[in-house]
């Protein structure tokens, strides 16, 4: 590996370590030769997200222009042209050596464009359409790296795990998303529970949710749990060397839901975080779990919501 490519992989690893602590911890359980490819995929998604969300000094039009320019560089790289970018050489190398589906990357970038001009979603079906590109395809991007014996059978569980992870993040980060002018809770659901955008703003300002907001979050947590239930059969389908990693990620992300539940669904009181001691215990338990064993779901996994 030449110095330029190695530097790009290292930059992806740094992005992953800095911004994706839970996922980064799980990735450390993969064989050393696979970790850089996971870091590259994280770097790709994070870099695009940074353009969209971490440049508040730029107008929406300027961010859109920057995202289009970066996407164009990526497309040129896919065609074989050299690219001058801190992370794209690693991403392009991973796509080539792992034979990843390029349409997944196109779908992801399309969802990033939606974040520039779509602030809310009318129904859960509308939100799922966005999440197809922003989350489900990340599961399918990862799949060739994780080596399932039957990729076709593992594909849907991988999609569901991506959806479960992102919906978990949406529930944890309701306040942060409001700061960005976005609501990832479907309008239909807000109406069902009698919650207005003003109610959410008030809860963010006071750091306390009312009963209706907590009921809404409980409902959405039930949806997330069902995505985890649909994803669970995919873990033992993976290559033995990859199962501890994904089992750990599964339990740590679903553990964020557990923390939300333990704080009575008040996502404005504090940011739900899995305690360090629990993270260590989950990691050790995953390492000791025999390969091929199913994933145990929490007792309330699919009991809530519709």
Protein backbone atom coordinates (compact mmCIF):
# COMPACT_ATOMS: atom_id res chain seq x y z
CA UNK A 1 0.00 0.00 0.00
CA UNK A 2 1.51 3.35 -1.03
CA UNK A 3 1.80 6.26 1.40
CA UNK A 4 -1.12 8.18 -0.09
CA UNK A 5 -3.51 5.25 0.20
CA UNK A 6 -2.30 4.42 3.71
CA UNK A 7 -2.83 8.06 4.74
CA UNK A 8 -6.40 7.96 3.40
CA UNK A 9 -7.18 4.81 5.37
CA UNK A 10 -5.68 6.39 8.48
CA UNK A 11 -7.82 9.50 8.03
CA UNK A 12 -10.91 7.29 7.79
CA UNK A 13 -9.87 5.47 10.95
CA UNK A 14 -9.47 8.77 12.80
CA UNK A 15 -12.94 9.91 11.67
CA UNK A 16 -14.38 6.61 12.84
CA UNK A 17 -12.65 6.75 16.22
CA UNK A 18 -13.63 10.40 16.78
CA UNK A 19 -17.27 10.26 15.76
CA UNK A 20 -18.42 6.62 15.94
CA UNK A 21 -17.21 5.37 19.30
CA UNK A 22 -19.75 2.56 19.65
CA UNK A 23 -19.21 1.24 16.15
CA UNK A 24 -15.45 1.77 16.38
CA UNK A 25 -15.27 -0.38 19.51
CA UNK A 26 -17.16 -3.18 17.76
CA UNK A 27 -14.94 -2.90 14.67
CA UNK A 28 -11.87 -3.64 16.77
CA UNK A 29 -13.18 -7.20 17.11
CA UNK A 30 -12.78 -7.81 13.37
CA UNK A 31 -9.62 -9.38 11.91
CA UNK A 32 -6.99 -6.69 11.37
CA UNK A 33 -7.12 -7.03 7.59
CA UNK A 34 -10.84 -6.16 7.50
CA UNK A 35 -10.88 -3.16 9.84
CA UNK A 36 -9.50 -0.63 7.32
CA UNK A 37 -12.35 -1.40 4.92
CA UNK A 38 -14.93 -0.73 7.64
CA UNK A 39 -13.13 2.48 8.55
CA UNK A 40 -13.23 3.50 4.88
CA UNK A 41 -17.00 3.01 4.66
CA UNK A 42 -17.50 4.94 7.89
CA UNK A 43 -15.21 7.68 6.58
CA UNK A 44 -17.26 7.95 3.38
CA UNK A 45 -20.55 8.33 5.23
CA UNK A 46 -19.14 10.63 7.87
CA UNK A 47 -17.38 12.92 5.42
CA UNK A 48 -20.58 13.45 3.44
CA UNK A 49 -22.49 14.02 6.66
CA UNK A 50 -19.91 16.60 7.76
CA UNK A 51 -20.46 18.57 4.56
CA UNK A 52 -24.21 18.60 5.19
CA UNK A 53 -24.31 19.14 8.96
CA UNK A 54 -20.99 20.52 10.21
CA UNK A 55 -20.57 23.60 8.02
CA UNK A 56 -23.01 26.09 9.66
CA UNK A 57 -21.05 29.03 8.24
CA UNK A 58 -22.12 27.99 4.73
CA UNK A 59 -25.52 28.55 3.19
CA UNK A 60 -27.64 25.59 2.11
CA UNK A 61 -26.77 26.37 -1.50
CA UNK A 62 -23.04 26.41 -0.69
CA UNK A 63 -23.28 23.10 1.17
CA UNK A 64 -25.21 21.60 -1.75
CA UNK A 65 -22.51 22.80 -4.13
CA UNK A 66 -19.77 21.32 -1.95
CA UNK A 67 -21.59 17.98 -1.70
CA UNK A 68 -22.11 17.88 -5.48
CA UNK A 69 -18.43 18.64 -6.07
CA UNK A 70 -17.34 15.90 -3.67
CA UNK A 71 -19.81 13.44 -5.22
CA UNK A 72 -18.42 14.32 -8.66
CA UNK A 73 -14.88 13.59 -7.44
CA UNK A 74 -16.10 10.25 -6.13
CA UNK A 75 -17.73 9.45 -9.49
CA UNK A 76 -14.52 10.34 -11.31
CA UNK A 77 -12.59 8.08 -8.98
CA UNK A 78 -14.97 5.21 -9.71
CA UNK A 79 -14.22 5.68 -13.41
CA UNK A 80 -10.49 5.30 -12.73
CA UNK A 81 -9.45 8.95 -12.62
CA UNK A 82 -7.02 10.03 -9.87
CA UNK A 83 -8.64 12.01 -7.04
CA UNK A 84 -7.10 14.57 -4.72
CA UNK A 85 -9.01 13.96 -1.50
CA UNK A 86 -8.11 12.97 2.07
CA UNK A 87 -10.37 9.88 2.24
CA UNK A 88 -11.64 8.92 -1.24
CA UNK A 89 -8.57 6.86 -2.23
CA UNK A 90 -9.33 4.50 0.67
CA UNK A 91 -13.04 4.36 -0.19
CA UNK A 92 -12.34 3.63 -3.85
CA UNK A 93 -9.78 0.96 -2.93
CA UNK A 94 -12.27 -0.72 -0.58
CA UNK A 95 -15.00 -0.69 -3.24
CA UNK A 96 -12.60 -2.31 -5.71
CA UNK A 97 -11.08 -5.01 -3.53
CA UNK A 98 -14.36 -5.92 -1.81
CA UNK A 99 -16.39 -5.67 -5.04
CA UNK A 100 -19.03 -3.46 -3.42
CA UNK A 101 -22.25 -2.43 -5.17
CA UNK A 102 -21.75 1.12 -6.40
CA UNK A 103 -25.49 1.83 -6.42
CA UNK A 104 -25.44 1.71 -2.60
CA UNK A 105 -23.10 4.70 -2.58
CA UNK A 106 -25.27 6.60 -5.06
CA UNK A 107 -28.33 5.97 -2.88
CA UNK A 108 -26.48 7.19 0.21
CA UNK A 109 -25.41 10.44 -1.46
CA UNK A 110 -28.98 11.00 -2.63
CA UNK A 111 -30.20 10.82 0.98
CA UNK A 112 -27.50 13.29 2.01
CA UNK A 113 -28.89 15.69 -0.60
CA UNK A 114 -32.34 15.25 0.94
CA UNK A 115 -30.97 16.45 4.29
CA UNK A 116 -30.21 19.79 2.67
CA UNK A 117 -33.80 20.61 1.77
CA UNK A 118 -36.10 18.15 3.56
CA UNK A 119 -36.74 19.10 7.19
CA UNK A 120 -39.48 16.64 8.14
CA UNK A 121 -41.38 13.55 6.97
CA UNK A 122 -45.14 13.15 6.78
CA UNK A 123 -45.31 9.39 7.36
CA UNK A 124 -43.10 6.54 8.48
CA UNK A 125 -43.14 5.27 4.88
CA UNK A 126 -41.64 8.61 3.81
CA UNK A 127 -38.98 8.36 6.50
CA UNK A 128 -38.18 4.80 5.44
CA UNK A 129 -37.61 6.02 1.89
CA UNK A 130 -34.96 8.41 3.24
CA UNK A 131 -33.51 5.73 5.53
CA UNK A 132 -33.21 3.30 2.65
CA UNK A 133 -30.38 5.44 1.33
CA UNK A 134 -28.99 6.75 4.59
CA UNK A 135 -29.04 3.51 6.61
CA UNK A 136 -30.21 0.33 4.87
CA UNK A 137 -27.57 0.61 2.16
CA UNK A 138 -24.85 0.89 4.80
CA UNK A 139 -25.85 -2.58 5.94
CA UNK A 140 -25.54 -3.91 2.41
CA UNK A 141 -22.25 -2.04 1.84
CA UNK A 142 -20.84 -3.86 4.84
CA UNK A 143 -22.09 -7.31 3.91
CA UNK A 144 -19.30 -8.40 1.50
CA UNK A 145 -16.70 -7.45 4.12
CA UNK A 146 -18.46 -9.58 6.75
CA UNK A 147 -18.44 -12.67 4.54
CA UNK A 148 -21.85 -14.35 4.92
CA UNK A 149 -22.05 -17.88 3.53
CA UNK A 150 -25.34 -16.97 1.82
CA UNK A 151 -25.23 -13.27 0.87
CA UNK A 152 -28.76 -13.30 -0.54
CA UNK A 153 -30.23 -14.60 2.73
CA UNK A 154 -28.17 -12.17 4.82
CA UNK A 155 -29.09 -9.11 2.78
CA UNK A 156 -32.46 -8.28 4.38
CA UNK A 157 -31.20 -8.69 7.98
CA UNK A 158 -28.29 -6.39 7.07
CA UNK A 159 -30.73 -3.78 5.75
CA UNK A 160 -32.83 -4.08 8.90
CA UNK A 161 -29.81 -3.61 11.15
CA UNK A 162 -28.93 -0.39 9.32
CA UNK A 163 -32.49 0.85 9.83
CA UNK A 164 -32.45 -0.17 13.51
CA UNK A 165 -29.19 1.67 14.16
CA UNK A 166 -30.35 4.86 12.48
CA UNK A 167 -33.75 4.93 14.14
CA UNK A 168 -31.96 4.49 17.47
CA UNK A 169 -29.79 7.49 16.65
CA UNK A 170 -32.84 9.54 15.66
CA UNK A 171 -34.48 8.88 19.04
CA UNK A 172 -31.31 9.63 20.99
CA UNK A 173 -30.63 12.83 19.04
CA UNK A 174 -34.09 14.46 18.76
CA UNK A 175 -32.80 17.63 20.40
CA UNK A 176 -29.66 17.86 18.26
CA UNK A 177 -31.70 17.39 15.10
CA UNK A 178 -34.07 20.15 16.21
CA UNK A 179 -31.03 22.41 16.48
CA UNK A 180 -30.36 21.64 12.81
CA UNK A 181 -33.95 22.41 11.88
CA UNK A 182 -34.93 18.77 11.30
CA UNK A 183 -37.49 16.40 12.77
CA UNK A 184 -37.08 12.69 12.01
CA UNK A 185 -40.26 11.78 13.90
CA UNK A 186 -43.04 11.36 11.30
CA UNK A 187 -45.74 14.03 11.33
CA UNK A 188 -48.42 11.31 11.40
CA UNK A 189 -46.97 10.04 14.66
CA UNK A 190 -46.70 13.49 16.21
CA UNK A 191 -50.37 14.02 15.40
CA UNK A 192 -51.32 10.62 16.80
CA UNK A 193 -49.84 11.53 20.18
CA UNK A 194 -50.87 15.18 20.13
CA UNK A 195 -47.29 16.50 19.95
CA UNK A 196 -46.45 19.71 18.10
CA UNK A 197 -43.13 21.10 16.96
CA UNK A 198 -43.58 23.79 19.63
CA UNK A 199 -43.86 21.03 22.24
CA UNK A 200 -40.56 19.56 21.08
CA UNK A 201 -38.88 22.97 21.15
CA UNK A 202 -40.16 23.55 24.68
CA UNK A 203 -38.87 20.17 25.82
CA UNK A 204 -35.47 20.95 24.32
CA UNK A 205 -35.34 24.31 26.10
CA UNK A 206 -36.43 22.94 29.49
CA UNK A 207 -34.66 19.57 29.29
CA UNK A 208 -37.84 17.74 30.18
CA UNK A 209 -40.43 15.86 28.13
CA UNK A 210 -44.12 15.80 28.84
CA UNK A 211 -46.24 12.68 28.92
CA UNK A 212 -47.25 12.96 25.26
CA UNK A 213 -43.67 13.24 24.04
CA UNK A 214 -42.61 10.26 26.16
CA UNK A 215 -45.51 8.22 24.75
CA UNK A 216 -44.39 9.18 21.23
CA UNK A 217 -40.79 8.14 21.90
CA UNK A 218 -42.00 4.88 23.44
CA UNK A 219 -43.95 4.16 20.27
CA UNK A 220 -40.94 4.88 18.02
CA UNK A 221 -38.69 2.77 20.26
CA UNK A 222 -41.06 -0.12 19.63
CA UNK A 223 -40.55 0.35 15.91
CA UNK A 224 -36.79 0.31 16.36
CA UNK A 225 -37.04 -2.87 18.42
CA UNK A 226 -38.88 -4.59 15.60
CA UNK A 227 -36.11 -3.66 13.16
CA UNK A 228 -33.62 -5.23 15.59
CA UNK A 229 -35.78 -8.36 15.72
CA UNK A 230 -35.74 -8.61 11.93
CA UNK A 231 -31.97 -8.05 11.88
CA UNK A 232 -31.10 -10.63 14.55
CA UNK A 233 -31.17 -13.75 12.31
CA UNK A 234 -28.44 -12.23 10.15
CA UNK A 235 -25.70 -12.26 12.80
CA UNK A 236 -25.07 -16.04 12.82
CA UNK A 237 -25.11 -15.99 8.99
CA UNK A 238 -21.88 -13.98 8.93
CA UNK A 239 -18.36 -15.36 8.70
CA UNK A 240 -17.28 -16.65 12.14
CA UNK A 241 -14.56 -13.97 12.39
CA UNK A 242 -17.16 -11.20 11.89
CA UNK A 243 -19.86 -12.36 14.28
CA UNK A 244 -18.42 -10.94 17.52
CA UNK A 245 -18.11 -7.50 15.91
CA UNK A 246 -21.68 -7.30 14.69
CA UNK A 247 -23.06 -8.98 17.82
CA UNK A 248 -21.34 -6.28 19.89
CA UNK A 249 -22.64 -3.48 17.68
CA UNK A 250 -26.13 -4.98 17.82
CA UNK A 251 -26.18 -5.07 21.62
CA UNK A 252 -24.51 -1.69 22.14
CA UNK A 253 -26.87 0.16 19.80
CA UNK A 254 -29.94 -1.61 21.16
CA UNK A 255 -28.50 -0.77 24.57
CA UNK A 256 -28.97 2.91 23.71
CA UNK A 257 -32.68 2.13 23.39
CA UNK A 258 -32.45 0.45 26.77
CA UNK A 259 -31.02 3.64 28.25
CA UNK A 260 -33.84 5.67 26.67
CA UNK A 261 -36.33 3.29 28.23
CA UNK A 262 -34.60 3.51 31.63
CA UNK A 263 -34.97 7.28 31.59
CA UNK A 264 -38.72 6.87 30.97
CA UNK A 265 -38.40 7.87 27.28
CA UNK A 266 -37.38 11.41 28.20
CA UNK A 267 -34.79 11.97 25.47
CA UNK A 268 -34.46 15.65 26.43
CA UNK A 269 -33.38 15.01 30.02
CA UNK A 270 -29.96 13.74 28.95
CA UNK A 271 -28.30 12.06 25.99
CA UNK A 272 -28.73 8.30 26.28
CA UNK A 273 -25.31 6.64 26.52
CA UNK A 274 -24.41 3.05 27.31
CA UNK A 275 -22.12 3.13 30.39
CA UNK A 276 -18.47 2.23 29.80
CA UNK A 277 -18.64 -0.74 32.16
CA UNK A 278 -21.59 -2.13 30.20
CA UNK A 279 -19.76 -1.61 26.90
CA UNK A 280 -16.82 -3.64 28.20
CA UNK A 281 -19.09 -6.42 29.47
CA UNK A 282 -21.01 -6.60 26.19
CA UNK A 283 -17.77 -6.79 24.22
CA UNK A 284 -16.37 -9.56 26.41
CA UNK A 285 -19.61 -11.52 26.26
CA UNK A 286 -19.71 -11.25 22.47
CA UNK A 287 -16.16 -12.55 22.21
CA UNK A 288 -17.06 -15.54 24.37
CA UNK A 289 -20.29 -16.38 22.51
CA UNK A 290 -19.88 -19.43 20.25
CA UNK A 291 -20.14 -18.63 16.56
CA UNK A 292 -23.44 -19.54 14.99
CA UNK A 293 -25.46 -18.76 18.10
CA UNK A 294 -28.48 -16.50 17.66
CA UNK A 295 -28.79 -13.03 19.14
CA UNK A 296 -30.85 -12.83 22.32
CA UNK A 297 -33.36 -9.98 22.17
CA UNK A 298 -34.58 -7.96 25.14
CA UNK A 299 -37.91 -9.33 26.51
CA UNK A 300 -39.79 -6.24 25.32
CA UNK A 301 -38.17 -6.24 21.87
CA UNK A 302 -41.31 -6.27 19.73
CA UNK A 303 -44.00 -5.55 22.29
CA UNK A 304 -44.47 -1.87 21.52
CA UNK A 305 -45.88 0.21 18.74
CA UNK A 306 -47.15 -0.62 15.28
